[in-house]
Amino acid sequence: MNGAWNHREWAARLGVAGERADYLAWSLLAEGGDEAAGALIGNHGPGRALQAITTGKLTGKAVQRWREKYTNPPFLRQCETFLRRGGRILTPADAACPRQLNDLGDSAPWCLWLSGPGNLAKLTERSLAIVGSRAATRYELDTAASWSADVAERGITVVSGGAYGVDAAAHRGALTTGRTVAVLAGGLDRLYPRGNTQVLEIIRDRFLLVSEAPPGSAPTRWRFLSRNRLIAALTCGTVVVEAAYRSGALSTVRHAASLGRRLGAVPGSVESPASTGCNLAIRDLGAELLLDSREAAELVPGVWDCANQTALDGFGGDPITANDGLDPAMRRVLEAIPPRGEISLDELIAQTGMSTAEVTSALGRLNMAGRSAGGPGGYARQV
């Protein structure tokens, strides 16, 4: 191939060979979701598509842009560092690549960057996207956290975008009882937003961070919008907890609708601008009006076939549990305390996303109720 850079030689030094190396090169040349690049790759395969642009067989503005990047590819050093430190890539040539991504057609990703021990295909086999506004109300943050905890406890992986607000609450809630995956808009070598570094590091250590953007890439607006299609495609359904009229979370809902995924929305007051997006999703996009976490979990096919299914009471609602009667703050803190062992105050603050004052107040009430015990050195659950 023409150009100073030979992508296969470069990739071989990083342990990436064959068609996987071709897909890796495309990750550096074209933005994720570029349908022109997707169509070229789909028609010719990644290797022949690269040959076509580097040998001058194709012309056009997009081709010229890709050719220039091949001659001087961006982010090489950042990619090398990321892969040598244990990061991974996942391409359509890998058996472990989730096949539901093929539903995206020409906008399907040709390379995903992964950080963490999890298997993306297995994690998303039974999964639910929970998304919403960054500037969410306390009520909606509590809803996102508690519903995510309930959904994850039923064996469903909660997928969200790692952002402030509803995304972070969903991740934190899921971490208390089960599994979660964060799909980020920028390179995984720089976790963004910085204020969510702690929760993102926990997800990376226990499950998986995913990005279509190579290491070194900044989390730009168009990358946020582009990654939303991945959240929609990876999951069995999407729940929007709170969204204003122009909320970016609605793009995830629209992508999910276009892919035929099931939709759910938490209804809100018609007088609240923060709920306009959810109400429109119900009216215009066919989202189901959700009243509780059980209804959210039912968006995932076969959810009640799982081993931890709980019999419902005679009224069709959630069964009475030991957590009934606790206020949202108490419940969130209690769910963050592991069933065995102790957890420190700092870890509780990181897990719940609550302030020090909120956590200590909730702990005081839990201690008085006999549900937790301990002090500054560590807190444990009580039966």
Protein backbone atom coordinates (compact mmCIF):
# COMPACT_ATOMS: atom_id res chain seq x y z
CA MET A 1 0.00 0.00 0.00
CA ASN A 2 1.04 3.56 -0.62
CA GLY A 3 1.93 5.87 2.25
CA ALA A 4 4.59 5.93 4.94
CA TRP A 5 2.45 3.92 7.34
CA ASN A 6 1.75 0.23 6.89
CA HIS A 7 -1.15 -0.59 9.18
CA ARG A 8 -0.57 -4.36 9.18
CA GLU A 9 3.06 -4.06 10.24
CA TRP A 10 2.06 -1.60 12.95
CA ALA A 11 -0.80 -3.78 14.17
CA ALA A 12 1.36 -6.91 14.18
CA ARG A 13 3.65 -5.29 16.74
CA LEU A 14 0.59 -4.93 18.96
CA GLY A 15 -0.56 -8.52 18.51
CA VAL A 16 -3.33 -7.70 16.03
CA ALA A 17 -3.31 -9.53 12.69
CA GLY A 18 -5.29 -10.18 9.52
CA GLU A 19 -8.72 -8.70 9.03
CA ARG A 20 -8.72 -7.43 12.62
CA ALA A 21 -5.78 -5.18 11.70
CA ASP A 22 -7.77 -3.79 8.77
CA TYR A 23 -10.72 -2.97 11.01
CA LEU A 24 -8.32 -1.40 13.52
CA ALA A 25 -6.95 0.87 10.79
CA TRP A 26 -10.46 1.99 9.86
CA SER A 27 -11.01 2.99 13.49
CA LEU A 28 -8.26 5.59 13.01
CA LEU A 29 -9.41 6.79 9.59
CA ALA A 30 -13.17 7.28 9.85
CA GLU A 31 -15.52 8.45 12.56
CA GLY A 32 -17.85 5.87 14.03
CA GLY A 33 -21.22 5.84 12.31
CA ASP A 34 -19.79 7.07 8.99
CA GLU A 35 -22.22 5.34 6.63
CA ALA A 36 -20.08 5.99 3.57
CA ALA A 37 -17.17 4.14 5.17
CA GLY A 38 -19.55 1.47 6.44
CA ALA A 39 -20.97 0.87 2.98
CA LEU A 40 -17.48 0.67 1.45
CA ILE A 41 -16.34 -1.82 4.09
CA GLY A 42 -19.59 -3.79 3.80
CA ASN A 43 -19.28 -4.09 0.02
CA HIS A 44 -15.57 -4.89 -0.25
CA GLY A 45 -14.36 -5.97 3.19
CA PRO A 46 -12.03 -3.84 5.31
CA GLY A 47 -8.81 -4.86 3.55
CA ARG A 48 -9.93 -4.28 -0.03
CA ALA A 49 -11.63 -1.06 1.05
CA LEU A 50 -8.30 0.19 2.39
CA GLN A 51 -6.56 -0.79 -0.84
CA ALA A 52 -9.18 1.11 -2.84
CA ILE A 53 -8.59 4.38 -1.01
CA THR A 54 -4.80 4.15 -0.76
CA THR A 55 -4.17 3.17 -4.40
CA GLY A 56 -6.30 5.96 -5.87
CA LYS A 57 -9.02 3.71 -7.28
CA LEU A 58 -11.67 5.79 -5.54
CA THR A 59 -12.15 9.57 -5.43
CA GLY A 60 -14.25 12.01 -3.48
CA LYS A 61 -14.00 14.25 -0.43
CA ALA A 62 -14.48 11.43 2.06
CA VAL A 63 -11.94 9.24 0.27
CA GLN A 64 -9.43 12.09 0.23
CA ARG A 65 -9.89 12.57 3.96
CA TRP A 66 -9.38 8.87 4.67
CA ARG A 67 -6.33 8.75 2.37
CA GLU A 68 -4.71 11.71 4.13
CA LYS A 69 -5.28 10.09 7.52
CA TYR A 70 -3.77 6.82 6.29
CA THR A 71 -0.63 8.71 5.27
CA ASN A 72 -0.45 10.37 8.69
CA PRO A 73 -2.77 8.43 11.07
CA PRO A 74 -3.80 10.05 14.36
CA PHE A 75 -3.54 8.61 17.87
CA LEU A 76 -0.93 5.93 17.11
CA ARG A 77 0.98 6.47 20.34
CA GLN A 78 -2.18 6.54 22.46
CA CYS A 79 -3.48 3.35 20.83
CA GLU A 80 -0.18 1.55 21.36
CA THR A 81 -0.10 2.53 25.03
CA PHE A 82 -3.71 1.50 25.55
CA LEU A 83 -3.30 -1.95 23.98
CA ARG A 84 0.01 -2.67 25.68
CA ARG A 85 -1.55 -1.86 29.05
CA GLY A 86 -4.26 -4.47 28.64
CA GLY A 87 -6.88 -2.67 26.58
CA ARG A 88 -8.64 -4.65 23.86
CA ILE A 89 -10.37 -4.19 20.54
CA LEU A 90 -13.43 -5.99 19.27
CA THR A 91 -14.18 -6.19 15.55
CA PRO A 92 -16.75 -7.93 13.33
CA ALA A 93 -14.01 -10.53 12.69
CA ASP A 94 -14.20 -11.59 16.35
CA ALA A 95 -16.60 -14.33 17.40
CA ALA A 96 -17.26 -12.41 20.63
CA CYS A 97 -18.60 -9.35 18.80
CA PRO A 98 -22.31 -8.86 19.66
CA ARG A 99 -24.29 -9.74 16.56
CA GLN A 100 -27.13 -7.37 17.42
CA LEU A 101 -24.83 -4.54 16.30
CA ASN A 102 -25.38 -5.75 12.72
CA ASP A 103 -28.88 -4.25 12.98
CA LEU A 104 -27.22 -0.86 12.49
CA GLY A 105 -26.44 -1.70 8.86
CA ASP A 106 -23.90 0.65 7.27
CA SER A 107 -23.51 2.52 10.58
CA ALA A 108 -22.49 -0.61 12.49
CA PRO A 109 -19.14 -0.21 14.28
CA TRP A 110 -16.07 -1.76 12.68
CA CYS A 111 -13.98 -1.50 15.84
CA LEU A 112 -14.86 -1.16 19.52
CA TRP A 113 -12.29 -0.35 22.17
CA LEU A 114 -12.74 -2.19 25.47
CA SER A 115 -11.36 -1.75 28.96
CA GLY A 116 -12.25 -4.29 31.63
CA PRO A 117 -12.56 -8.04 32.12
CA GLY A 118 -16.11 -8.45 30.80
CA ASN A 119 -17.34 -10.22 27.66
CA LEU A 120 -19.47 -7.69 25.79
CA ALA A 121 -21.60 -10.28 23.98
CA LYS A 122 -22.45 -12.13 27.18
CA LEU A 123 -23.01 -8.95 29.18
CA THR A 124 -25.46 -7.56 26.63
CA GLU A 125 -27.31 -10.79 25.92
CA ARG A 126 -29.89 -9.78 28.54
CA SER A 127 -29.50 -6.03 28.87
CA LEU A 128 -31.46 -2.83 29.29
CA ALA A 129 -30.41 0.74 28.51
CA ILE A 130 -31.37 3.25 31.21
CA VAL A 131 -30.79 6.83 30.10
CA GLY A 132 -31.89 10.36 30.86
CA SER A 133 -30.93 13.94 31.54
CA ARG A 134 -27.62 15.10 32.94
CA ALA A 135 -29.33 17.80 35.02
CA ALA A 136 -31.86 15.41 36.52
CA THR A 137 -34.07 16.05 39.55
CA ARG A 138 -33.41 14.20 42.81
CA TYR A 139 -36.61 12.19 42.30
CA GLU A 140 -35.47 10.96 38.91
CA LEU A 141 -31.94 10.21 40.16
CA ASP A 142 -33.43 8.08 42.92
CA THR A 143 -35.71 6.38 40.39
CA ALA A 144 -32.80 5.62 38.05
CA ALA A 145 -30.66 4.23 40.87
CA SER A 146 -33.33 2.11 42.54
CA TRP A 147 -34.78 0.76 39.29
CA SER A 148 -31.31 -0.09 38.00
CA ALA A 149 -30.53 -1.94 41.23
CA ASP A 150 -33.77 -3.93 40.91
CA VAL A 151 -33.22 -4.67 37.23
CA ALA A 152 -29.61 -5.75 37.78
CA GLU A 153 -30.66 -7.97 40.67
CA ARG A 154 -32.84 -9.87 38.19
CA GLY A 155 -29.78 -10.74 36.11
CA ILE A 156 -30.12 -7.95 33.54
CA THR A 157 -27.09 -5.86 32.60
CA VAL A 158 -27.75 -2.12 32.84
CA VAL A 159 -26.13 -0.19 29.97
CA SER A 160 -25.75 3.58 29.99
CA GLY A 161 -23.45 6.35 28.82
CA GLY A 162 -21.40 7.18 31.92
CA ALA A 163 -22.53 10.83 31.93
CA TYR A 164 -23.63 12.95 34.87
CA GLY A 165 -27.19 12.70 36.09
CA VAL A 166 -29.35 9.71 35.20
CA ASP A 167 -26.50 7.76 33.53
CA ALA A 168 -24.31 7.86 36.63
CA ALA A 169 -27.25 7.05 38.91
CA ALA A 170 -28.12 4.04 36.76
CA HIS A 171 -24.55 2.73 36.86
CA ARG A 172 -24.27 3.22 40.63
CA GLY A 173 -27.58 1.51 41.26
CA ALA A 174 -26.66 -1.48 39.11
CA LEU A 175 -23.28 -1.85 40.80
CA THR A 176 -24.97 -2.47 44.14
CA THR A 177 -26.69 -5.64 42.94
CA GLY A 178 -25.38 -6.76 39.56
CA ARG A 179 -23.75 -5.81 36.27
CA THR A 180 -23.38 -2.65 34.24
CA VAL A 181 -21.58 -1.48 31.08
CA ALA A 182 -20.70 2.12 30.21
CA VAL A 183 -20.48 3.17 26.56
CA LEU A 184 -18.38 6.33 26.38
CA ALA A 185 -18.05 8.98 23.69
CA GLY A 186 -14.28 9.58 23.90
CA GLY A 187 -11.12 7.52 24.11
CA LEU A 188 -10.89 5.19 27.09
CA ASP A 189 -7.45 6.51 28.02
CA ARG A 190 -9.14 9.64 29.38
CA LEU A 191 -12.25 8.88 31.42
CA TYR A 192 -14.93 11.53 30.93
CA PRO A 193 -16.57 13.23 32.68
CA ARG A 194 -13.87 13.55 35.32
CA GLY A 195 -16.43 13.87 38.08
CA ASN A 196 -17.54 10.29 37.35
CA THR A 197 -14.01 8.85 37.38
CA GLN A 198 -14.60 6.76 40.50
CA VAL A 199 -17.70 4.99 39.23
CA LEU A 200 -16.16 4.51 35.77
CA GLU A 201 -13.06 2.96 37.32
CA ILE A 202 -15.24 0.55 39.30
CA ILE A 203 -17.07 -0.45 36.11
CA ARG A 204 -13.71 -0.89 34.35
CA ASP A 205 -12.37 -3.05 37.16
CA ARG A 206 -15.44 -5.27 37.47
CA PHE A 207 -17.21 -5.23 34.10
CA LEU A 208 -16.56 -3.18 30.95
CA LEU A 209 -16.07 0.25 29.47
CA VAL A 210 -16.72 0.52 25.73
CA SER A 211 -15.96 3.19 23.15
CA GLU A 212 -16.01 3.41 19.39
CA ALA A 213 -13.52 6.28 19.52
CA PRO A 214 -9.84 5.29 19.64
CA PRO A 215 -7.66 6.31 22.60
CA GLY A 216 -6.71 9.96 22.34
CA SER A 217 -10.10 11.00 20.94
CA ALA A 218 -11.93 13.85 22.65
CA PRO A 219 -15.58 13.34 23.70
CA THR A 220 -17.13 15.77 21.21
CA ARG A 221 -20.83 16.48 20.76
CA TRP A 222 -21.12 14.43 17.58
CA ARG A 223 -19.45 11.48 19.28
CA PHE A 224 -21.97 11.63 22.11
CA LEU A 225 -24.82 11.51 19.61
CA SER A 226 -23.12 8.75 17.61
CA ARG A 227 -22.48 6.54 20.63
CA ASN A 228 -26.18 6.66 21.52
CA ARG A 229 -26.94 4.37 18.57
CA LEU A 230 -24.55 1.81 20.11
CA ILE A 231 -26.36 1.91 23.45
CA ALA A 232 -29.65 1.36 21.63
CA ALA A 233 -28.34 -1.45 19.44
CA LEU A 234 -26.51 -3.35 22.17
CA THR A 235 -29.54 -3.64 24.43
CA CYS A 236 -32.89 -5.42 24.35
CA GLY A 237 -34.77 -2.28 25.27
CA THR A 238 -34.34 1.33 26.38
CA VAL A 239 -35.84 3.15 29.36
CA VAL A 240 -35.74 6.95 29.48
CA VAL A 241 -36.13 8.17 33.04
CA GLU A 242 -36.14 11.93 32.53
CA ALA A 243 -35.56 14.01 29.40
CA ALA A 244 -36.33 17.53 28.30
CA TYR A 245 -37.55 18.34 24.79
CA ARG A 246 -34.01 18.63 23.37
CA SER A 247 -32.32 16.07 25.60
CA GLY A 248 -29.61 13.96 23.97
CA ALA A 249 -31.13 10.93 25.70
CA LEU A 250 -34.00 11.09 23.24
CA SER A 251 -31.59 10.25 20.42
CA THR A 252 -31.01 6.90 22.13
CA VAL A 253 -34.76 6.37 22.29
CA ARG A 254 -35.19 7.25 18.61
CA HIS A 255 -32.38 4.89 17.60
CA ALA A 256 -33.95 2.12 19.68
CA ALA A 257 -37.32 2.74 18.05
CA SER A 258 -35.78 2.60 14.56
CA LEU A 259 -34.14 -0.73 15.44
CA GLY A 260 -37.38 -2.24 16.71
CA ARG A 261 -36.22 -2.42 20.32
CA ARG A 262 -38.77 -2.11 23.10
CA LEU A 263 -39.12 1.30 24.72
CA GLY A 264 -40.19 2.45 28.15
CA ALA A 265 -40.50 5.87 29.75
CA VAL A 266 -41.10 7.20 33.23
CA PRO A 267 -44.00 9.65 32.91
CA GLY A 268 -43.77 13.13 34.39
CA SER A 269 -45.87 16.19 35.01
CA VAL A 270 -47.12 17.94 31.88
CA GLU A 271 -46.05 21.16 33.58
CA SER A 272 -42.43 20.04 33.96
CA PRO A 273 -40.09 20.83 31.03
CA ALA A 274 -37.77 18.11 32.35
CA SER A 275 -40.42 15.49 31.60
CA THR A 276 -41.42 16.65 28.12
CA GLY A 277 -39.13 14.18 26.38
CA CYS A 278 -40.47 11.20 28.32
CA ASN A 279 -44.07 12.19 27.68
CA LEU A 280 -43.35 12.66 23.97
CA ALA A 281 -41.66 9.25 23.84
CA ILE A 282 -44.89 7.73 25.17
CA ARG A 283 -47.12 9.71 22.83
CA ASP A 284 -45.08 9.69 19.61
CA LEU A 285 -42.60 6.80 19.75
CA GLY A 286 -44.71 4.08 21.31
CA ALA A 287 -42.77 3.91 24.58
CA GLU A 288 -44.55 1.99 27.30
CA LEU A 289 -45.56 4.02 30.34
CA LEU A 290 -43.62 2.46 33.21
CA LEU A 291 -44.79 2.55 36.80
CA ASP A 292 -42.15 0.44 38.51
CA SER A 293 -38.91 -1.48 38.02
CA ARG A 294 -40.72 -4.72 37.33
CA GLU A 295 -42.32 -3.21 34.25
CA ALA A 296 -38.90 -1.93 33.17
CA ALA A 297 -37.41 -5.41 33.54
CA GLU A 298 -40.22 -6.86 31.44
CA LEU A 299 -38.85 -4.99 28.41
CA VAL A 300 -36.14 -7.67 28.30
CA PRO A 301 -37.52 -10.85 26.66
CA GLY A 302 -37.72 -13.87 28.94
CA VAL A 303 -36.78 -11.93 32.06
CA TRP A 304 -39.08 -14.00 34.23
CA ASP A 305 -37.40 -17.22 33.09
CA CYS A 306 -34.31 -16.40 35.14
CA ALA A 307 -33.41 -18.45 38.20
CA ASN A 308 -33.96 -15.62 40.67
CA GLN A 309 -37.58 -14.95 39.67
CA THR A 310 -39.69 -14.03 42.68
CA ALA A 311 -43.35 -14.98 42.94
CA LEU A 312 -45.67 -11.99 42.80
CA ASP A 313 -48.34 -11.26 45.35
CA GLY A 314 -52.01 -11.60 44.52
CA PHE A 315 -52.34 -8.02 43.33
CA GLY A 316 -49.82 -8.26 40.50
CA GLY A 317 -47.34 -5.85 42.05
CA ASP A 318 -43.83 -6.34 43.39
CA PRO A 319 -43.63 -8.71 46.35
CA ILE A 320 -43.17 -7.20 49.78
CA THR A 321 -39.47 -7.09 50.58
CA ALA A 322 -37.34 -6.32 53.59
CA ASN A 323 -36.56 -2.92 52.08
CA ASP A 324 -40.17 -1.73 52.07
CA GLY A 325 -40.68 1.17 54.43
CA LEU A 326 -37.21 2.61 53.88
CA ASP A 327 -36.93 6.04 52.33
CA PRO A 328 -34.98 6.30 49.02
CA ALA A 329 -31.77 7.48 50.68
CA MET A 330 -31.81 4.65 53.23
CA ARG A 331 -32.51 2.10 50.53
CA ARG A 332 -29.74 3.34 48.28
CA VAL A 333 -27.19 3.24 51.12
CA LEU A 334 -28.34 -0.17 52.31
CA GLU A 335 -28.10 -1.60 48.78
CA ALA A 336 -24.53 -0.31 48.54
CA ILE A 337 -23.50 -2.20 51.69
CA PRO A 338 -22.31 -5.69 50.65
CA PRO A 339 -24.20 -8.72 51.99
CA ARG A 340 -21.00 -9.86 53.71
CA GLY A 341 -18.09 -7.86 55.04
CA GLU A 342 -17.81 -4.14 55.58
CA ILE A 343 -17.61 -1.02 53.44
CA SER A 344 -16.03 2.30 54.35
CA LEU A 345 -17.80 5.64 54.41
CA ASP A 346 -15.74 6.90 51.46
CA GLU A 347 -16.68 3.82 49.42
CA LEU A 348 -20.35 4.32 50.27
CA ILE A 349 -20.18 7.92 49.10
CA ALA A 350 -18.54 6.82 45.83
CA GLN A 351 -21.00 3.96 45.26
CA THR A 352 -24.17 5.92 46.00
CA GLY A 353 -23.20 9.27 44.50
CA MET A 354 -24.66 10.99 47.57
CA SER A 355 -23.04 13.66 49.70
CA THR A 356 -21.25 12.86 52.96
CA ALA A 357 -24.08 14.42 54.95
CA GLU A 358 -26.73 12.42 53.07
CA VAL A 359 -24.88 9.13 53.54
CA THR A 360 -24.16 9.64 57.24
CA SER A 361 -27.76 10.70 57.88
CA ALA A 362 -29.09 7.60 56.10
CA LEU A 363 -26.62 5.39 58.00
CA GLY A 364 -27.82 6.85 61.29
CA ARG A 365 -31.42 5.97 60.47
CA LEU A 366 -30.40 2.49 59.28
CA ASN A 367 -28.45 1.90 62.48
CA MET A 368 -31.43 2.98 64.57
CA ALA A 369 -33.67 0.65 62.58
CA GLY A 370 -31.26 -2.23 63.14
CA ARG A 371 -30.51 -2.60 59.43
CA SER A 372 -26.83 -1.66 59.59
CA ALA A 373 -24.07 -1.45 62.18
CA GLY A 374 -20.61 0.02 62.41
CA GLY A 375 -18.78 3.31 62.50
CA PRO A 376 -16.19 5.30 60.58
CA GLY A 377 -14.01 2.20 60.18
CA GLY A 378 -16.63 0.31 58.23
CA TYR A 379 -20.33 -0.49 57.95
CA ALA A 380 -22.01 -3.89 57.64
CA ARG A 381 -25.56 -5.09 57.02
CA GLN A 382 -27.68 -6.48 59.82
CA VAL A 383 -30.33 -9.14 59.23
